[in-house]
PDB file of N, CA and C in Angstrom:
ATOM      1  N   ARG A   1       2.254   5.250 -10.222  1.00  0.00           N
ATOM      2  CA  ARG A   1       2.814   5.916 -10.180  1.00  0.00           C
ATOM      3  C   ARG A   1       1.650   6.457 -10.834  1.00  0.00           C
ATOM      4  N   ARG A   2       1.905   6.314 -11.989  1.00  0.00           N
ATOM      5  CA  ARG A   2       1.317   7.605 -12.990  1.00  0.00           C
ATOM      6  C   ARG A   2      -0.134   8.286 -12.344  1.00  0.00           C
ATOM      7  N   TRP A   3      -1.282   6.613 -11.612  1.00  0.00           N
ATOM      8  CA  TRP A   3      -2.224   7.026 -11.290  1.00  0.00           C
ATOM      9  C   TRP A   3      -2.507   8.869  -9.999  1.00  0.00           C
ATOM     10  N   LEU A   4      -1.033   8.129  -9.669  1.00  0.00           N
ATOM     11  CA  LEU A   4      -0.171   9.206  -8.239  1.00  0.00           C
ATOM     12  C   LEU A   4      -0.336  10.287  -8.757  1.00  0.00           C
ATOM     13  N   LYS A   5       0.205  10.717  -9.479  1.00  0.00           N
ATOM     14  CA  LYS A   5       0.758  11.776 -10.694  1.00  0.00           C
ATOM     15  C   LYS A   5      -0.456  12.740 -11.125  1.00  0.00           C
ATOM     16  N   GLU A   6      -1.607  11.426 -11.276  1.00  0.00           N
ATOM     17  CA  GLU A   6      -2.544  12.780 -11.893  1.00  0.00           C
ATOM     18  C   GLU A   6      -3.315  12.899 -11.141  1.00  0.00           C
ATOM     19  N   GLY A   7      -3.511  12.682  -9.779  1.00  0.00           N
ATOM     20  CA  GLY A   7      -4.077  12.903  -8.094  1.00  0.00           C
ATOM     21  C   GLY A   7      -5.172  12.472  -7.855  1.00  0.00           C
ATOM     22  N   LYS A   8      -4.716  10.762  -8.797  1.00  0.00           N
ATOM     23  CA  LYS A   8      -6.012   9.493  -8.197  1.00  0.00           C
ATOM     24  C   LYS A   8      -5.213   8.770  -7.087  1.00  0.00           C
ATOM     25  N   LYS A   9      -5.923   8.125  -6.241  1.00  0.00           N
ATOM     26  CA  LYS A   9      -5.290   7.268  -5.332  1.00  0.00           C
ATOM     27  C   LYS A   9      -5.173   6.226  -5.137  1.00  0.00           C
ATOM     28  N   VAL A  10      -4.596   5.116  -4.613  1.00  0.00           N
ATOM     29  CA  VAL A  10      -4.417   3.936  -5.087  1.00  0.00           C
ATOM     30  C   VAL A  10      -4.289   3.544  -3.616  1.00  0.00           C
ATOM     31  N   LYS A  11      -5.443   2.217  -4.209  1.00  0.00           N
ATOM     32  CA  LYS A  11      -5.088   1.052  -3.306  1.00  0.00           C
ATOM     33  C   LYS A  11      -4.485  -0.177  -3.388  1.00  0.00           C
ATOM     34  N   VAL A  12      -3.957  -0.601  -2.595  1.00  0.00           N
ATOM     35  CA  VAL A  12      -3.113  -1.452  -2.533  1.00  0.00           C
ATOM     36  C   VAL A  12      -3.647  -2.959  -1.603  1.00  0.00           C
ATOM     37  N   ARG A  13      -4.050  -4.547  -2.071  1.00  0.00           N
ATOM     38  CA  ARG A  13      -4.370  -5.515  -1.137  1.00  0.00           C
ATOM     39  C   ARG A  13      -3.377  -6.374  -1.606  1.00  0.00           C
ATOM     40  N   ILE A  14      -3.460  -6.921  -0.672  1.00  0.00           N
ATOM     41  CA  ILE A  14      -2.514  -8.341  -0.397  1.00  0.00           C
ATOM     42  C   ILE A  14      -3.607  -9.745  -0.081  1.00  0.00           C
ATOM     43  N   ARG A  15      -4.483 -10.464  -0.852  1.00  0.00           N
ATOM     44  CA  ARG A  15      -4.909 -11.205  -0.622  1.00  0.00           C
ATOM     45  C   ARG A  15      -3.870 -12.694   0.418  1.00  0.00           C
ATOM     46  N   PHE A  16      -4.428 -13.152   1.135  1.00  0.00           N
ATOM     47  CA  PHE A  16      -3.849 -14.039   1.971  1.00  0.00           C
ATOM     48  C   PHE A  16      -4.470 -15.681   1.310  1.00  0.00           C
ATOM     49  N   ARG A  17      -3.886 -16.648   0.801  1.00  0.00           N
ATOM     50  CA  ARG A  17      -4.187 -17.857   0.797  1.00  0.00           C
ATOM     51  C   ARG A  17      -4.055 -19.048   1.355  1.00  0.00           C
ATOM     52  N   GLY A  18      -4.867 -19.313   1.962  1.00  0.00           N
ATOM     53  CA  GLY A  18      -3.599 -21.206   2.671  1.00  0.00           C
ATOM     54  C   GLY A  18      -3.165 -20.481   4.002  1.00  0.00           C
ATOM     55  N   ARG A  19      -1.839 -21.408   3.579  1.00  0.00           N
ATOM     56  CA  ARG A  19      -0.746 -20.997   5.142  1.00  0.00           C
ATOM     57  C   ARG A  19      -0.326 -19.473   4.646  1.00  0.00           C
ATOM     58  N   GLU A  20      -0.490 -18.843   3.382  1.00  0.00           N
ATOM     59  CA  GLU A  20       0.016 -17.527   3.357  1.00  0.00           C
ATOM     60  C   GLU A  20      -0.722 -16.331   4.295  1.00  0.00           C
ATOM     61  N   ARG A  21      -1.337 -16.851   5.077  1.00  0.00           N
ATOM     62  CA  ARG A  21      -1.754 -16.552   6.595  1.00  0.00           C
ATOM     63  C   ARG A  21      -1.135 -17.076   7.393  1.00  0.00           C
ATOM     64  N   ASP A  22      -0.189 -17.401   7.699  1.00  0.00           N
ATOM     65  CA  ASP A  22       0.220 -17.323   8.871  1.00  0.00           C
ATOM     66  C   ASP A  22       1.765 -16.504   8.692  1.00  0.00           C
ATOM     67  N   TYR A  23       1.770 -15.909   7.601  1.00  0.00           N
ATOM     68  CA  TYR A  23       2.861 -15.252   7.857  1.00  0.00           C
ATOM     69  C   TYR A  23       3.059 -13.637   7.017  1.00  0.00           C
ATOM     70  N   PRO A  24       2.182 -13.040   7.729  1.00  0.00           N
ATOM     71  CA  PRO A  24       1.636 -11.579   7.322  1.00  0.00           C
ATOM     72  C   PRO A  24       3.004 -10.741   7.487  1.00  0.00           C
ATOM     73  N   GLU A  25       3.824 -11.045   8.147  1.00  0.00           N
ATOM     74  CA  GLU A  25       4.858 -10.075   8.268  1.00  0.00           C
ATOM     75  C   GLU A  25       5.687 -10.005   7.112  1.00  0.00           C
ATOM     76  N   LEU A  26       5.641 -10.628   6.070  1.00  0.00           N
ATOM     77  CA  LEU A  26       6.320 -10.938   4.844  1.00  0.00           C
ATOM     78  C   LEU A  26       4.921 -10.039   3.836  1.00  0.00           C
ATOM     79  N   ALA A  27       4.054 -10.224   3.754  1.00  0.00           N
ATOM     80  CA  ALA A  27       3.401  -8.966   3.206  1.00  0.00           C
ATOM     81  C   ALA A  27       3.521  -7.449   3.656  1.00  0.00           C
ATOM     82  N   MET A  28       3.750  -7.371   5.131  1.00  0.00           N
ATOM     83  CA  MET A  28       3.820  -5.878   5.373  1.00  0.00           C
ATOM     84  C   MET A  28       5.368  -5.697   4.820  1.00  0.00           C
ATOM     85  N   GLU A  29       6.040  -6.397   4.464  1.00  0.00           N
ATOM     86  CA  GLU A  29       7.769  -5.939   3.916  1.00  0.00           C
ATOM     87  C   GLU A  29       6.915  -5.492   2.715  1.00  0.00           C
ATOM     88  N   ASP A  30       6.274  -6.487   2.108  1.00  0.00           N
ATOM     89  CA  ASP A  30       6.184  -6.205   0.753  1.00  0.00           C
ATOM     90  C   ASP A  30       5.493  -4.479   0.205  1.00  0.00           C
ATOM     91  N   LEU A  31       4.280  -4.103   1.263  1.00  0.00           N
ATOM     92  CA  LEU A  31       3.946  -3.133   1.669  1.00  0.00           C
ATOM     93  C   LEU A  31       4.572  -1.849   1.751  1.00  0.00           C
ATOM     94  N   LYS A  32       5.715  -2.238   2.701  1.00  0.00           N
ATOM     95  CA  LYS A  32       6.510  -0.802   2.787  1.00  0.00           C
ATOM     96  C   LYS A  32       7.644  -0.856   1.933  1.00  0.00           C
ATOM     97  N   GLU A  33       7.899  -2.188   1.416  1.00  0.00           N
ATOM     98  CA  GLU A  33       8.525  -1.661   0.194  1.00  0.00           C
ATOM     99  C   GLU A  33       7.805  -0.852  -1.118  1.00  0.00           C
ATOM    100  N   ILE A  34       6.388  -0.982  -1.542  1.00  0.00           N
ATOM    101  CA  ILE A  34       6.420  -0.308  -2.376  1.00  0.00           C
ATOM    102  C   ILE A  34       5.666   1.564  -1.594  1.00  0.00           C
ATOM    103  N   ALA A  35       5.633   1.681  -0.679  1.00  0.00           N
ATOM    104  CA  ALA A  35       5.477   3.020  -0.290  1.00  0.00           C
ATOM    105  C   ALA A  35       6.421   3.412  -0.372  1.00  0.00           C
ATOM    106  N   ASP A  36       7.707   2.797   0.547  1.00  0.00           N
ATOM    107  CA  ASP A  36       8.894   3.382  -0.011  1.00  0.00           C
ATOM    108  C   ASP A  36       9.774   3.956  -1.411  1.00  0.00           C
ATOM    109  N   GLU A  37       9.212   3.277  -2.024  1.00  0.00           N
ATOM    110  CA  GLU A  37       9.494   2.712  -3.525  1.00  0.00           C
ATOM    111  C   GLU A  37       8.552   4.345  -4.154  1.00  0.00           C
ATOM    112  N   LEU A  38       7.592   4.686  -4.368  1.00  0.00           N
ATOM    113  CA  LEU A  38       6.652   5.530  -4.183  1.00  0.00           C
ATOM    114  C   LEU A  38       6.435   6.930  -3.375  1.00  0.00           C
ATOM    115  N   GLN A  39       7.641   7.088  -2.413  1.00  0.00           N
ATOM    116  CA  GLN A  39       7.321   8.113  -1.284  1.00  0.00           C
ATOM    117  C   GLN A  39       7.609   8.925  -2.051  1.00  0.00           C
ATOM    118  N   ASP A  40       8.319   9.429  -3.292  1.00  0.00           N
ATOM    119  CA  ASP A  40       8.216  10.652  -3.868  1.00  0.00           C
ATOM    120  C   ASP A  40       7.017  11.419  -4.144  1.00  0.00           C
ATOM    121  N   VAL A  41       6.045  10.649  -4.263  1.00  0.00           N
ATOM    122  CA  VAL A  41       4.894  11.122  -5.405  1.00  0.00           C
ATOM    123  C   VAL A  41       3.269  10.915  -4.256  1.00  0.00           C
ATOM    124  N   SER A  42       3.876  10.649  -2.785  1.00  0.00           N
ATOM    125  CA  SER A  42       2.478   9.942  -2.302  1.00  0.00           C
ATOM    126  C   SER A  42       3.192   9.935  -0.831  1.00  0.00           C
ATOM    127  N   VAL A  43       1.423  10.261  -0.400  1.00  0.00           N
ATOM    128  CA  VAL A  43       1.707   9.547   1.731  1.00  0.00           C
ATOM    129  C   VAL A  43       0.359   8.355   1.412  1.00  0.00           C
ATOM    130  N   ILE A  44       1.205   8.338   2.914  1.00  0.00           N
ATOM    131  CA  ILE A  44       0.229   7.239   2.727  1.00  0.00           C
ATOM    132  C   ILE A  44      -1.084   7.257   3.418  1.00  0.00           C
ATOM    133  N   GLU A  45      -2.045   7.171   3.443  1.00  0.00           N
ATOM    134  CA  GLU A  45      -3.878   8.395   3.619  1.00  0.00           C
ATOM    135  C   GLU A  45      -4.273   6.739   4.264  1.00  0.00           C
ATOM    136  N   GLN A  46      -4.517   5.498   4.290  1.00  0.00           N
ATOM    137  CA  GLN A  46      -4.422   4.260   5.437  1.00  0.00           C
ATOM    138  C   GLN A  46      -3.261   3.323   5.252  1.00  0.00           C
ATOM    139  N   ARG A  47      -3.237   2.834   6.499  1.00  0.00           N
ATOM    140  CA  ARG A  47      -1.606   2.250   7.372  1.00  0.00           C
ATOM    141  C   ARG A  47      -2.191   0.960   6.439  1.00  0.00           C
ATOM    142  N   PRO A  48      -1.486   0.169   6.715  1.00  0.00           N
ATOM    143  CA  PRO A  48      -1.748  -1.094   6.362  1.00  0.00           C
ATOM    144  C   PRO A  48      -3.099  -1.663   7.766  1.00  0.00           C
ATOM    145  N   SER A  49      -3.715  -3.160   7.137  1.00  0.00           N
ATOM    146  CA  SER A  49      -4.430  -2.863   8.314  1.00  0.00           C
ATOM    147  C   SER A  49      -5.448  -4.251   7.276  1.00  0.00           C
ATOM    148  N   PHE A  50      -6.069  -5.214   8.270  1.00  0.00           N
ATOM    149  CA  PHE A  50      -6.379  -6.531   7.784  1.00  0.00           C
ATOM    150  C   PHE A  50      -7.448  -6.448   7.534  1.00  0.00           C
ATOM    151  N   GLU A  51      -8.476  -6.888   6.526  1.00  0.00           N
ATOM    152  CA  GLU A  51     -10.066  -7.041   6.005  1.00  0.00           C
ATOM    153  C   GLU A  51     -10.088  -8.374   6.026  1.00  0.00           C
ATOM    154  N   GLY A  52     -10.572  -9.562   6.971  1.00  0.00           N
ATOM    155  CA  GLY A  52     -10.836 -10.255   6.327  1.00  0.00           C
ATOM    156  C   GLY A  52      -9.685 -11.789   6.301  1.00  0.00           C
ATOM    157  N   ARG A  53      -9.851 -11.759   5.359  1.00  0.00           N
ATOM    158  CA  ARG A  53      -7.570 -12.525   4.834  1.00  0.00           C
ATOM    159  C   ARG A  53      -7.209 -11.378   3.558  1.00  0.00           C
ATOM    160  N   THR A  54      -7.036 -10.312   3.648  1.00  0.00           N
ATOM    161  CA  THR A  54      -6.871  -8.879   2.777  1.00  0.00           C
ATOM    162  C   THR A  54      -6.324  -8.204   4.063  1.00  0.00           C
ATOM    163  N   LEU A  55      -4.555  -7.676   3.180  1.00  0.00           N
ATOM    164  CA  LEU A  55      -4.016  -7.180   3.720  1.00  0.00           C
ATOM    165  C   LEU A  55      -4.334  -5.800   2.921  1.00  0.00           C
ATOM    166  N   LEU A  56      -4.660  -4.013   3.200  1.00  0.00           N
ATOM    167  CA  LEU A  56      -5.090  -3.346   2.741  1.00  0.00           C
ATOM    168  C   LEU A  56      -4.373  -1.859   3.212  1.00  0.00           C
ATOM    169  N   MET A  57      -4.203  -1.247   2.035  1.00  0.00           N
ATOM    170  CA  MET A  57      -2.786   0.088   2.696  1.00  0.00           C
ATOM    171  C   MET A  57      -3.376   0.863   1.867  1.00  0.00           C
ATOM    172  N   VAL A  58      -3.721   2.278   1.443  1.00  0.00           N
ATOM    173  CA  VAL A  58      -4.122   3.709   0.380  1.00  0.00           C
ATOM    174  C   VAL A  58      -3.232   4.529   0.598  1.00  0.00           C
ATOM    175  N   LEU A  59      -2.903   4.231  -0.693  1.00  0.00           N
ATOM    176  CA  LEU A  59      -1.879   5.649  -0.851  1.00  0.00           C
ATOM    177  C   LEU A  59      -2.694   7.142  -1.407  1.00  0.00           C
ATOM    178  N   ALA A  60      -2.527   8.173  -1.324  1.00  0.00           N
ATOM    179  CA  ALA A  60      -2.884   9.146  -1.714  1.00  0.00           C
ATOM    180  C   ALA A  60      -1.957   9.824  -2.484  1.00  0.00           C
ATOM    181  N   PRO A  61      -2.689  10.678  -3.321  1.00  0.00           N
ATOM    182  CA  PRO A  61      -0.600  11.651  -3.999  1.00  0.00           C
ATOM    183  C   PRO A  61      -0.373  12.622  -3.163  1.00  0.00           C
ATOM    184  N   ASP A  62       0.825  13.150  -3.085  1.00  0.00           N
ATOM    185  CA  ASP A  62       1.348  14.099  -2.301  1.00  0.00           C
ATOM    186  C   ASP A  62       0.999  15.488  -2.804  1.00  0.00           C
ATOM    187  N   THR A  63       0.288  16.344  -2.043  1.00  0.00           N
ATOM    188  CA  THR A  63       0.317  17.836  -3.116  1.00  0.00           C
ATOM    189  C   THR A  63       0.855  18.917  -2.904  1.00  0.00           C
ATOM    190  N   GLY A  64       2.344  18.276  -2.262  1.00  0.00           N
ATOM    191  CA  GLY A  64       2.886  19.346  -1.298  1.00  0.00           C
ATOM    192  C   GLY A  64       4.203  18.973  -2.525  1.00  0.00           C
ATOM    193  N   LYS A  65       4.536  17.788  -2.882  1.00  0.00           N
ATOM    194  CA  LYS A  65       5.508  17.960  -4.130  1.00  0.00           C
ATOM    195  C   LYS A  65       5.000  17.870  -5.428  1.00  0.00           C
ATOM    196  N   LYS A  66       6.495  18.223  -6.673  1.00  0.00           N
ATOM    197  CA  LYS A  66       5.249  17.855  -7.777  1.00  0.00           C
ATOM    198  C   LYS A  66       6.344  17.300  -8.469  1.00  0.00           C
TER     199      LYS A  66
END
């Protein structure tokens, strides 16, 4: 939250190990929860996407809200 308020972007990564790869919906729920908690200071710049065994989402500061 502090970094977003300072105008910096935040990259959120979840790395899957072992059998965790069989349940990507659990990680998607976690990312959605994070985005919901930070919606007052951020917007989703890059929707959650897989890069190998990592799920990645980028949040950017919401310049319209202070």
